Amino acid sequence: MSEVVHPYDAAVGALLREQRLAALAKQRDLAAALQVTRATVTRWEQGIRGLNVATLLTIADTLEIPGSQLLPEAHRERLDPALAAIIGTLRARPDLVPTVQALLETLLDSEGGA
């Protein structure tokens, strides 16, 4: 007998799998970190078993990602495209963060003194 899968559970499960693979984590490693069985992780990823908020955020912490990365796109914060591009660049190039921070501080200081 097949179980009914809610669309949100399926979407979150697919994102969980995607983020786990991006983190190069195996199902058994995630299961061990969360003290659940590998089968539980499989059921989450297949959307057969839903995740509560506490578990979803614990998974995000374990994978070292924002919890929003495990939510469907429609439920994530929507950023201005230019700001999203800047954030994407800084995520790809974290070495630029100190320079950008210094630049912003300089710009803000010059606005205050003008």
Protein backbone atom coordinates (compact mmCIF):
# COMPACT_ATOMS: atom_id res chain seq x y z
CA MET A 1 0.00 0.00 0.00
CA SER A 2 1.48 3.35 -1.02
CA GLU A 3 1.37 6.29 1.34
CA VAL A 4 -0.02 9.68 0.38
CA VAL A 5 2.78 12.24 0.17
CA HIS A 6 1.92 15.86 0.87
CA PRO A 7 3.45 18.24 -1.74
CA TYR A 8 5.23 20.25 0.96
CA ASP A 9 6.78 17.11 2.46
CA ALA A 10 7.94 16.06 -1.01
CA ALA A 11 9.42 19.50 -1.71
CA VAL A 12 11.21 19.72 1.66
CA GLY A 13 12.46 16.16 1.25
CA ALA A 14 13.91 16.94 -2.18
CA LEU A 15 15.61 20.06 -0.79
CA LEU A 16 16.97 18.05 2.14
CA ARG A 17 18.49 15.52 -0.26
CA GLU A 18 19.90 18.30 -2.46
CA GLN A 19 21.47 20.12 0.50
CA ARG A 20 22.79 16.89 2.05
CA LEU A 21 24.46 15.93 -1.21
CA ALA A 22 25.88 19.46 -1.59
CA ALA A 23 27.37 19.08 1.89
CA LEU A 24 28.86 15.74 0.78
CA ALA A 25 27.08 14.04 3.69
CA LYS A 26 25.82 10.48 3.49
CA GLN A 27 22.38 9.54 4.79
CA ARG A 28 23.96 7.42 7.50
CA ASP A 29 26.14 10.34 8.65
CA LEU A 30 23.15 12.67 8.90
CA ALA A 31 21.18 9.97 10.69
CA ALA A 32 23.96 9.43 13.21
CA ALA A 33 24.28 13.18 13.86
CA LEU A 34 20.52 13.42 14.46
CA GLN A 35 20.30 10.13 16.37
CA VAL A 36 17.73 8.64 14.00
CA THR A 37 17.89 5.69 11.63
CA ARG A 38 19.07 5.95 8.05
CA ALA A 39 15.59 4.77 7.05
CA THR A 40 14.12 7.85 8.75
CA VAL A 41 16.37 10.11 6.65
CA THR A 42 15.30 8.19 3.55
CA ARG A 43 11.62 8.69 4.42
CA TRP A 44 12.20 12.43 4.99
CA GLU A 45 13.93 12.74 1.63
CA GLN A 46 11.14 10.85 -0.11
CA GLY A 47 8.52 13.03 1.58
CA ILE A 48 6.91 9.97 3.16
CA ARG A 49 7.60 11.35 6.61
CA GLY A 50 7.23 15.05 7.36
CA LEU A 51 9.64 17.12 9.41
CA ASN A 52 8.69 19.26 12.37
CA VAL A 53 10.26 22.70 12.72
CA ALA A 54 12.72 21.65 15.43
CA THR A 55 14.02 18.75 13.35
CA LEU A 56 14.21 20.84 10.18
CA LEU A 57 16.28 23.49 11.97
CA THR A 58 18.48 20.85 13.61
CA ILE A 59 19.15 19.38 10.15
CA ALA A 60 20.01 22.86 8.86
CA ASP A 61 22.42 23.37 11.76
CA THR A 62 23.97 19.96 11.12
CA LEU A 63 24.44 20.74 7.42
CA GLU A 64 25.60 24.28 8.31
CA ILE A 65 23.01 25.97 6.11
CA PRO A 66 20.23 28.47 6.81
CA GLY A 67 16.95 26.76 7.67
CA SER A 68 15.31 28.58 4.77
CA GLN A 69 17.39 26.47 2.36
CA LEU A 70 15.15 23.55 3.31
CA LEU A 71 11.95 25.45 2.46
CA PRO A 72 10.30 25.61 -0.95
CA GLU A 73 11.20 28.77 -2.89
CA ALA A 74 7.73 30.27 -2.41
CA HIS A 75 8.33 30.30 1.36
CA ARG A 76 11.74 31.90 1.37
CA GLU A 77 12.43 35.56 1.88
CA ARG A 78 12.28 37.39 -1.41
CA LEU A 79 15.19 39.75 -1.92
CA ASP A 80 15.68 42.50 -4.43
CA PRO A 81 17.48 40.82 -7.39
CA ALA A 82 20.51 43.12 -7.07
CA LEU A 83 20.83 42.35 -3.36
CA ALA A 84 20.39 38.64 -4.02
CA ALA A 85 23.20 38.81 -6.62
CA ILE A 86 25.51 40.51 -4.10
CA ILE A 87 24.71 37.91 -1.47
CA GLY A 88 25.30 35.13 -3.99
CA THR A 89 28.67 36.59 -4.90
CA LEU A 90 29.69 36.90 -1.25
CA ARG A 91 28.62 33.32 -0.56
CA ALA A 92 30.73 32.15 -3.49
CA ARG A 93 33.64 34.42 -2.52
CA PRO A 94 33.70 34.71 1.30
CA ASP A 95 37.21 36.16 1.01
CA LEU A 96 35.56 39.39 -0.25
CA VAL A 97 33.41 39.88 2.86
CA PRO A 98 35.97 41.91 4.88
CA THR A 99 36.63 44.19 1.90
CA VAL A 100 32.92 44.75 1.29
CA GLN A 101 32.34 45.41 5.00
CA ALA A 102 35.15 47.97 5.05
CA LEU A 103 33.80 49.62 1.90
CA LEU A 104 30.31 49.87 3.40
CA GLU A 105 31.68 51.35 6.62
CA THR A 106 33.63 53.93 4.60
CA LEU A 107 30.54 54.83 2.56
CA LEU A 108 28.35 55.11 5.66
CA ASP A 109 30.97 57.23 7.48
CA SER A 110 31.27 59.58 4.51
CA GLU A 111 27.46 59.98 4.36
CA GLY A 112 27.34 60.84 8.05
CA GLY A 113 30.08 63.45 7.73
CA ALA A 114 28.72 65.07 4.56
